[in-house]
């Protein structure tokens, strides 16, 4: 359902001067995923030094400190790619 709505928003945005409210690429990023470092630990002995949530917080703080403007994530997926 979300992909259909996003596709509709992408189509409508071609006729408007603004970016779509949501795109299929953003829907993909928001999908629930379950990932762990168990395989990396088993195969490579890798353990992260920083929890991912702390890393995201640090990145956002750095962007705010450096006055980084909002990054555009809304890029419609070309119909040919589907």
PDB file of N, CA and C in Angstrom:
ATOM      1  N   UNK A   1       0.817  -1.186   0.000  1.00  0.00           N
ATOM      2  CA  UNK A   1       0.000   0.000   0.000  1.00  0.00           C
ATOM      3  C   UNK A   1       0.872   1.265   0.000  1.00  0.00           C
ATOM      4  N   UNK A   2       1.906   1.263   0.821  1.00  0.00           N
ATOM      5  CA  UNK A   2       2.785   2.437   0.897  1.00  0.00           C
ATOM      6  C   UNK A   2       3.499   2.665  -0.431  1.00  0.00           C
ATOM      7  N   UNK A   3       3.903   1.574  -1.095  1.00  0.00           N
ATOM      8  CA  UNK A   3       4.588   1.722  -2.378  1.00  0.00           C
ATOM      9  C   UNK A   3       3.644   2.312  -3.429  1.00  0.00           C
ATOM     10  N   UNK A   4       2.385   1.880  -3.420  1.00  0.00           N
ATOM     11  CA  UNK A   4       1.415   2.407  -4.383  1.00  0.00           C
ATOM     12  C   UNK A   4       1.183   3.898  -4.151  1.00  0.00           C
ATOM     13  N   UNK A   5       1.055   4.290  -2.888  1.00  0.00           N
ATOM     14  CA  UNK A   5       0.864   5.706  -2.563  1.00  0.00           C
ATOM     15  C   UNK A   5       2.084   6.518  -2.993  1.00  0.00           C
ATOM     16  N   UNK A   6       3.274   5.994  -2.712  1.00  0.00           N
ATOM     17  CA  UNK A   6       4.505   6.702  -3.077  1.00  0.00           C
ATOM     18  C   UNK A   6       4.620   6.842  -4.590  1.00  0.00           C
ATOM     19  N   UNK A   7       4.257   5.795  -5.307  1.00  0.00           N
ATOM     20  CA  UNK A   7       4.310   5.860  -6.773  1.00  0.00           C
ATOM     21  C   UNK A   7       3.358   6.936  -7.288  1.00  0.00           C
ATOM     22  N   UNK A   8       2.180   7.011  -6.682  1.00  0.00           N
ATOM     23  CA  UNK A   8       1.209   8.044  -7.053  1.00  0.00           C
ATOM     24  C   UNK A   8       1.782   9.431  -6.770  1.00  0.00           C
ATOM     25  N   UNK A   9       2.411   9.601  -5.611  1.00  0.00           N
ATOM     26  CA  UNK A   9       3.006  10.892  -5.258  1.00  0.00           C
ATOM     27  C   UNK A   9       4.115  11.275  -6.238  1.00  0.00           C
ATOM     28  N   UNK A  10       4.907  10.289  -6.669  1.00  0.00           N
ATOM     29  CA  UNK A  10       5.964  10.554  -7.646  1.00  0.00           C
ATOM     30  C   UNK A  10       5.360  11.028  -8.963  1.00  0.00           C
ATOM     31  N   UNK A  11       4.270  10.383  -9.387  1.00  0.00           N
ATOM     32  CA  UNK A  11       3.619  10.759 -10.643  1.00  0.00           C
ATOM     33  C   UNK A  11       3.039  12.171 -10.554  1.00  0.00           C
ATOM     34  N   UNK A  12       2.380  12.468  -9.452  1.00  0.00           N
ATOM     35  CA  UNK A  12       1.785  13.795  -9.265  1.00  0.00           C
ATOM     36  C   UNK A  12       2.871  14.866  -9.219  1.00  0.00           C
ATOM     37  N   UNK A  13       4.002  14.543  -8.618  1.00  0.00           N
ATOM     38  CA  UNK A  13       5.068  15.548  -8.462  1.00  0.00           C
ATOM     39  C   UNK A  13       5.641  15.998  -9.804  1.00  0.00           C
ATOM     40  N   UNK A  14       5.471  15.194 -10.844  1.00  0.00           N
ATOM     41  CA  UNK A  14       5.957  15.594 -12.171  1.00  0.00           C
ATOM     42  C   UNK A  14       5.177  16.794 -12.707  1.00  0.00           C
ATOM     43  N   UNK A  15       3.979  16.991 -12.148  1.00  0.00           N
ATOM     44  CA  UNK A  15       3.125  18.092 -12.610  1.00  0.00           C
ATOM     45  C   UNK A  15       3.092  19.251 -11.615  1.00  0.00           C
ATOM     46  N   UNK A  16       3.888  19.152 -10.561  1.00  0.00           N
ATOM     47  CA  UNK A  16       3.904  20.200  -9.536  1.00  0.00           C
ATOM     48  C   UNK A  16       5.323  20.732  -9.372  1.00  0.00           C
ATOM     49  N   UNK A  17       5.461  21.927  -8.825  1.00  0.00           N
ATOM     50  CA  UNK A  17       6.800  22.502  -8.658  1.00  0.00           C
ATOM     51  C   UNK A  17       7.550  21.991  -7.429  1.00  0.00           C
ATOM     52  N   UNK A  18       6.945  21.129  -6.632  1.00  0.00           N
ATOM     53  CA  UNK A  18       7.605  20.663  -5.411  1.00  0.00           C
ATOM     54  C   UNK A  18       7.916  19.175  -5.476  1.00  0.00           C
ATOM     55  N   UNK A  19       8.778  18.756  -4.571  1.00  0.00           N
ATOM     56  CA  UNK A  19       9.154  17.343  -4.483  1.00  0.00           C
ATOM     57  C   UNK A  19       7.991  16.529  -3.939  1.00  0.00           C
ATOM     58  N   UNK A  20       7.963  15.239  -4.250  1.00  0.00           N
ATOM     59  CA  UNK A  20       6.893  14.400  -3.707  1.00  0.00           C
ATOM     60  C   UNK A  20       7.001  14.302  -2.188  1.00  0.00           C
ATOM     61  N   UNK A  21       5.849  14.185  -1.544  1.00  0.00           N
ATOM     62  CA  UNK A  21       5.791  14.047  -0.094  1.00  0.00           C
ATOM     63  C   UNK A  21       6.538  12.794   0.354  1.00  0.00           C
ATOM     64  N   UNK A  22       6.403  11.726  -0.426  1.00  0.00           N
ATOM     65  CA  UNK A  22       7.090  10.467  -0.126  1.00  0.00           C
ATOM     66  C   UNK A  22       7.384   9.765  -1.443  1.00  0.00           C
ATOM     67  N   UNK A  23       8.456   8.995  -1.465  1.00  0.00           N
ATOM     68  CA  UNK A  23       8.828   8.238  -2.661  1.00  0.00           C
ATOM     69  C   UNK A  23       9.032   6.781  -2.285  1.00  0.00           C
ATOM     70  N   UNK A  24       9.083   5.930  -3.299  1.00  0.00           N
ATOM     71  CA  UNK A  24       9.294   4.505  -3.039  1.00  0.00           C
ATOM     72  C   UNK A  24      10.642   4.249  -2.387  1.00  0.00           C
ATOM     73  N   UNK A  25      11.639   5.065  -2.706  1.00  0.00           N
ATOM     74  CA  UNK A  25      12.951   4.865  -2.083  1.00  0.00           C
ATOM     75  C   UNK A  25      12.894   5.145  -0.585  1.00  0.00           C
ATOM     76  N   UNK A  26      12.092   6.124  -0.174  1.00  0.00           N
ATOM     77  CA  UNK A  26      11.942   6.413   1.255  1.00  0.00           C
ATOM     78  C   UNK A  26      11.163   5.289   1.932  1.00  0.00           C
ATOM     79  N   UNK A  27      10.130   4.771   1.268  1.00  0.00           N
ATOM     80  CA  UNK A  27       9.374   3.644   1.824  1.00  0.00           C
ATOM     81  C   UNK A  27      10.316   2.469   2.055  1.00  0.00           C
ATOM     82  N   UNK A  28      11.186   2.207   1.098  1.00  0.00           N
ATOM     83  CA  UNK A  28      12.150   1.116   1.244  1.00  0.00           C
ATOM     84  C   UNK A  28      13.037   1.325   2.468  1.00  0.00           C
ATOM     85  N   UNK A  29      13.506   2.549   2.676  1.00  0.00           N
ATOM     86  CA  UNK A  29      14.359   2.839   3.827  1.00  0.00           C
ATOM     87  C   UNK A  29      13.628   2.662   5.149  1.00  0.00           C
ATOM     88  N   UNK A  30      12.315   2.833   5.141  1.00  0.00           N
ATOM     89  CA  UNK A  30      11.538   2.746   6.373  1.00  0.00           C
ATOM     90  C   UNK A  30      11.039   1.340   6.682  1.00  0.00           C
ATOM     91  N   UNK A  31      11.292   0.387   5.784  1.00  0.00           N
ATOM     92  CA  UNK A  31      10.840  -0.977   6.038  1.00  0.00           C
ATOM     93  C   UNK A  31      11.532  -1.554   7.262  1.00  0.00           C
ATOM     94  N   UNK A  32      10.792  -2.387   7.970  1.00  0.00           N
ATOM     95  CA  UNK A  32      11.363  -3.059   9.135  1.00  0.00           C
ATOM     96  C   UNK A  32      12.414  -4.066   8.665  1.00  0.00           C
ATOM     97  N   UNK A  33      13.530  -4.050   9.307  1.00  0.00           N
ATOM     98  CA  UNK A  33      14.565  -5.034   9.021  1.00  0.00           C
ATOM     99  C   UNK A  33      15.092  -5.575  10.334  1.00  0.00           C
ATOM    100  N   UNK A  34      15.562  -6.769  10.279  1.00  0.00           N
ATOM    101  CA  UNK A  34      16.156  -7.368  11.469  1.00  0.00           C
ATOM    102  C   UNK A  34      17.581  -7.764  11.103  1.00  0.00           C
ATOM    103  N   UNK A  35      18.507  -7.010  11.579  1.00  0.00           N
ATOM    104  CA  UNK A  35      19.909  -7.289  11.289  1.00  0.00           C
ATOM    105  C   UNK A  35      20.674  -7.344  12.601  1.00  0.00           C
ATOM    106  N   UNK A  36      21.596  -8.257  12.645  1.00  0.00           N
ATOM    107  CA  UNK A  36      22.436  -8.327  13.839  1.00  0.00           C
ATOM    108  C   UNK A  36      23.881  -8.487  13.388  1.00  0.00           C
ATOM    109  N   UNK A  37      24.763  -8.310  14.313  1.00  0.00           N
ATOM    110  CA  UNK A  37      26.183  -8.467  14.014  1.00  0.00           C
ATOM    111  C   UNK A  37      26.671  -9.877  14.322  1.00  0.00           C
ATOM    112  N   UNK A  38      25.749 -10.796  14.581  1.00  0.00           N
ATOM    113  CA  UNK A  38      26.121 -12.155  14.968  1.00  0.00           C
ATOM    114  C   UNK A  38      26.992 -12.834  13.908  1.00  0.00           C
ATOM    115  N   UNK A  39      26.627 -12.695  12.645  1.00  0.00           N
ATOM    116  CA  UNK A  39      27.405 -13.346  11.579  1.00  0.00           C
ATOM    117  C   UNK A  39      28.785 -12.707  11.445  1.00  0.00           C
ATOM    118  N   UNK A  40      28.842 -11.376  11.530  1.00  0.00           N
ATOM    119  CA  UNK A  40      30.134 -10.688  11.457  1.00  0.00           C
ATOM    120  C   UNK A  40      31.020 -11.101  12.625  1.00  0.00           C
ATOM    121  N   UNK A  41      30.421 -11.271  13.792  1.00  0.00           N
ATOM    122  CA  UNK A  41      31.185 -11.711  14.956  1.00  0.00           C
ATOM    123  C   UNK A  41      31.704 -13.129  14.744  1.00  0.00           C
ATOM    124  N   UNK A  42      30.841 -14.004  14.241  1.00  0.00           N
ATOM    125  CA  UNK A  42      31.216 -15.407  14.036  1.00  0.00           C
ATOM    126  C   UNK A  42      32.289 -15.559  12.955  1.00  0.00           C
ATOM    127  N   UNK A  43      32.112 -14.895  11.817  1.00  0.00           N
ATOM    128  CA  UNK A  43      33.030 -15.069  10.696  1.00  0.00           C
ATOM    129  C   UNK A  43      34.294 -14.215  10.789  1.00  0.00           C
ATOM    130  N   UNK A  44      34.147 -13.003  11.301  1.00  0.00           N
ATOM    131  CA  UNK A  44      35.256 -12.052  11.267  1.00  0.00           C
ATOM    132  C   UNK A  44      35.768 -11.633  12.641  1.00  0.00           C
ATOM    133  N   UNK A  45      35.011 -11.996  13.663  1.00  0.00           N
ATOM    134  CA  UNK A  45      35.384 -11.536  14.993  1.00  0.00           C
ATOM    135  C   UNK A  45      35.090 -10.058  15.188  1.00  0.00           C
ATOM    136  N   UNK A  46      34.198  -9.518  14.360  1.00  0.00           N
ATOM    137  CA  UNK A  46      33.880  -8.084  14.408  1.00  0.00           C
ATOM    138  C   UNK A  46      32.843  -7.793  15.476  1.00  0.00           C
ATOM    139  N   UNK A  47      33.118  -6.798  16.281  1.00  0.00           N
ATOM    140  CA  UNK A  47      32.141  -6.267  17.224  1.00  0.00           C
ATOM    141  C   UNK A  47      32.179  -4.749  17.100  1.00  0.00           C
ATOM    142  N   UNK A  48      31.030  -4.114  16.900  1.00  0.00           N
ATOM    143  CA  UNK A  48      31.030  -2.655  16.761  1.00  0.00           C
ATOM    144  C   UNK A  48      31.490  -1.976  18.040  1.00  0.00           C
ATOM    145  N   UNK A  49      32.225  -0.887  17.874  1.00  0.00           N
ATOM    146  CA  UNK A  49      32.707  -0.130  19.031  1.00  0.00           C
ATOM    147  C   UNK A  49      31.658   0.855  19.524  1.00  0.00           C
ATOM    148  N   UNK A  50      30.755   1.263  18.630  1.00  0.00           N
ATOM    149  CA  UNK A  50      29.734   2.253  18.958  1.00  0.00           C
ATOM    150  C   UNK A  50      28.374   1.690  18.559  1.00  0.00           C
ATOM    151  N   UNK A  51      27.398   1.797  19.449  1.00  0.00           N
ATOM    152  CA  UNK A  51      26.042   1.354  19.121  1.00  0.00           C
ATOM    153  C   UNK A  51      25.517   2.223  17.978  1.00  0.00           C
ATOM    154  N   UNK A  52      24.767   1.627  17.067  1.00  0.00           N
ATOM    155  CA  UNK A  52      24.322   2.367  15.885  1.00  0.00           C
ATOM    156  C   UNK A  52      23.485   3.590  16.240  1.00  0.00           C
ATOM    157  N   UNK A  53      22.681   3.512  17.293  1.00  0.00           N
ATOM    158  CA  UNK A  53      21.871   4.678  17.677  1.00  0.00           C
ATOM    159  C   UNK A  53      22.763   5.832  18.133  1.00  0.00           C
ATOM    160  N   UNK A  54      23.825   5.503  18.860  1.00  0.00           N
ATOM    161  CA  UNK A  54      24.764   6.540  19.293  1.00  0.00           C
ATOM    162  C   UNK A  54      25.489   7.150  18.095  1.00  0.00           C
ATOM    163  N   UNK A  55      25.804   6.313  17.108  1.00  0.00           N
ATOM    164  CA  UNK A  55      26.478   6.802  15.901  1.00  0.00           C
ATOM    165  C   UNK A  55      25.572   7.763  15.129  1.00  0.00           C
ATOM    166  N   UNK A  56      24.283   7.431  15.031  1.00  0.00           N
ATOM    167  CA  UNK A  56      23.337   8.313  14.335  1.00  0.00           C
ATOM    168  C   UNK A  56      23.201   9.634  15.083  1.00  0.00           C
ATOM    169  N   UNK A  57      23.084   9.561  16.406  1.00  0.00           N
ATOM    170  CA  UNK A  57      22.989  10.795  17.204  1.00  0.00           C
ATOM    171  C   UNK A  57      24.227  11.675  17.000  1.00  0.00           C
ATOM    172  N   UNK A  58      25.396  11.054  17.000  1.00  0.00           N
ATOM    173  CA  UNK A  58      26.638  11.810  16.806  1.00  0.00           C
ATOM    174  C   UNK A  58      26.677  12.450  15.420  1.00  0.00           C
ATOM    175  N   UNK A  59      26.222  11.712  14.411  1.00  0.00           N
ATOM    176  CA  UNK A  59      26.197  12.246  13.048  1.00  0.00           C
ATOM    177  C   UNK A  59      25.256  13.440  12.949  1.00  0.00           C
ATOM    178  N   UNK A  60      24.075  13.320  13.548  1.00  0.00           N
ATOM    179  CA  UNK A  60      23.119  14.431  13.515  1.00  0.00           C
ATOM    180  C   UNK A  60      23.661  15.649  14.251  1.00  0.00           C
ATOM    181  N   UNK A  61      24.318  15.423  15.372  1.00  0.00           N
ATOM    182  CA  UNK A  61      24.916  16.536  16.124  1.00  0.00           C
ATOM    183  C   UNK A  61      25.997  17.221  15.299  1.00  0.00           C
ATOM    184  N   UNK A  62      26.808  16.429  14.599  1.00  0.00           N
ATOM    185  CA  UNK A  62      27.860  16.996  13.750  1.00  0.00           C
ATOM    186  C   UNK A  62      27.259  17.820  12.615  1.00  0.00           C
ATOM    187  N   UNK A  63      26.200  17.305  12.005  1.00  0.00           N
ATOM    188  CA  UNK A  63      25.549  18.031  10.916  1.00  0.00           C
ATOM    189  C   UNK A  63      24.949  19.340  11.420  1.00  0.00           C
ATOM    190  N   UNK A  64      24.376  19.303  12.618  1.00  0.00           N
ATOM    191  CA  UNK A  64      23.813  20.528  13.190  1.00  0.00           C
ATOM    192  C   UNK A  64      24.922  21.524  13.512  1.00  0.00           C
ATOM    193  N   UNK A  65      26.006  21.025  14.071  1.00  0.00           N
ATOM    194  CA  UNK A  65      27.139  21.891  14.408  1.00  0.00           C
ATOM    195  C   UNK A  65      27.715  22.550  13.162  1.00  0.00           C
ATOM    196  N   UNK A  66      27.818  21.781  12.084  1.00  0.00           N
ATOM    197  CA  UNK A  66      28.407  22.286  10.842  1.00  0.00           C
ATOM    198  C   UNK A  66      27.383  22.979   9.943  1.00  0.00           C
ATOM    199  N   UNK A  67      26.165  23.128  10.442  1.00  0.00           N
ATOM    200  CA  UNK A  67      25.090  23.805   9.711  1.00  0.00           C
ATOM    201  C   UNK A  67      24.814  23.156   8.359  1.00  0.00           C
ATOM    202  N   UNK A  68      24.799  21.840   8.338  1.00  0.00           N
ATOM    203  CA  UNK A  68      24.477  21.119   7.103  1.00  0.00           C
ATOM    204  C   UNK A  68      22.975  21.229   6.881  1.00  0.00           C
ATOM    205  N   UNK A  69      22.593  21.680   5.710  1.00  0.00           N
ATOM    206  CA  UNK A  69      21.174  21.793   5.372  1.00  0.00           C
ATOM    207  C   UNK A  69      20.608  20.388   5.180  1.00  0.00           C
ATOM    208  N   UNK A  70      19.301  20.298   5.227  1.00  0.00           N
ATOM    209  CA  UNK A  70      18.643  19.010   5.029  1.00  0.00           C
ATOM    210  C   UNK A  70      19.069  18.365   3.723  1.00  0.00           C
ATOM    211  N   UNK A  71      19.329  17.101   3.777  1.00  0.00           N
ATOM    212  CA  UNK A  71      19.740  16.370   2.583  1.00  0.00           C
ATOM    213  C   UNK A  71      18.510  15.814   1.888  1.00  0.00           C
ATOM    214  N   UNK A  72      18.460  15.951   0.592  1.00  0.00           N
ATOM    215  CA  UNK A  72      17.333  15.415  -0.163  1.00  0.00           C
ATOM    216  C   UNK A  72      17.468  13.913  -0.268  1.00  0.00           C
ATOM    217  N   UNK A  73      16.486  13.210   0.230  1.00  0.00           N
ATOM    218  CA  UNK A  73      16.468  11.757   0.103  1.00  0.00           C
ATOM    219  C   UNK A  73      15.416  11.321  -0.904  1.00  0.00           C
ATOM    220  N   UNK A  74      14.515  12.208  -1.239  1.00  0.00           N
ATOM    221  CA  UNK A  74      13.410  11.860  -2.118  1.00  0.00           C
ATOM    222  C   UNK A  74      13.860  11.914  -3.568  1.00  0.00           C
ATOM    223  N   UNK A  75      14.188  10.783  -4.087  1.00  0.00           N
ATOM    224  CA  UNK A  75      14.559  10.660  -5.495  1.00  0.00           C
ATOM    225  C   UNK A  75      13.687   9.554  -6.086  1.00  0.00           C
ATOM    226  N   UNK A  76      12.781   9.902  -6.979  1.00  0.00           N
ATOM    227  CA  UNK A  76      11.920   8.867  -7.554  1.00  0.00           C
ATOM    228  C   UNK A  76      12.734   7.785  -8.260  1.00  0.00           C
ATOM    229  N   UNK A  77      12.276   6.570  -8.138  1.00  0.00           N
ATOM    230  CA  UNK A  77      12.898   5.449  -8.835  1.00  0.00           C
ATOM    231  C   UNK A  77      12.365   5.455 -10.261  1.00  0.00           C
ATOM    232  N   UNK A  78      13.239   5.429 -11.274  1.00  0.00           N
ATOM    233  CA  UNK A  78      12.749   5.410 -12.655  1.00  0.00           C
ATOM    234  C   UNK A  78      11.863   4.193 -12.902  1.00  0.00           C
ATOM    235  N   UNK A  79      10.784   4.390 -13.628  1.00  0.00           N
ATOM    236  CA  UNK A  79       9.848   3.307 -13.917  1.00  0.00           C
ATOM    237  C   UNK A  79      10.564   2.163 -14.627  1.00  0.00           C
ATOM    238  N   UNK A  80      11.554   2.483 -15.451  1.00  0.00           N
ATOM    239  CA  UNK A  80      12.280   1.446 -16.198  1.00  0.00           C
ATOM    240  C   UNK A  80      13.034   0.506 -15.259  1.00  0.00           C
ATOM    241  N   UNK A  81      13.351   0.962 -14.062  1.00  0.00           N
ATOM    242  CA  UNK A  81      14.133   0.156 -13.126  1.00  0.00           C
ATOM    243  C   UNK A  81      13.277  -0.871 -12.400  1.00  0.00           C
ATOM    244  N   UNK A  82      11.977  -0.797 -12.597  1.00  0.00           N
ATOM    245  CA  UNK A  82      11.079  -1.704 -11.861  1.00  0.00           C
ATOM    246  C   UNK A  82      10.737  -2.909 -12.692  1.00  0.00           C
TER     247      UNK A  82
END
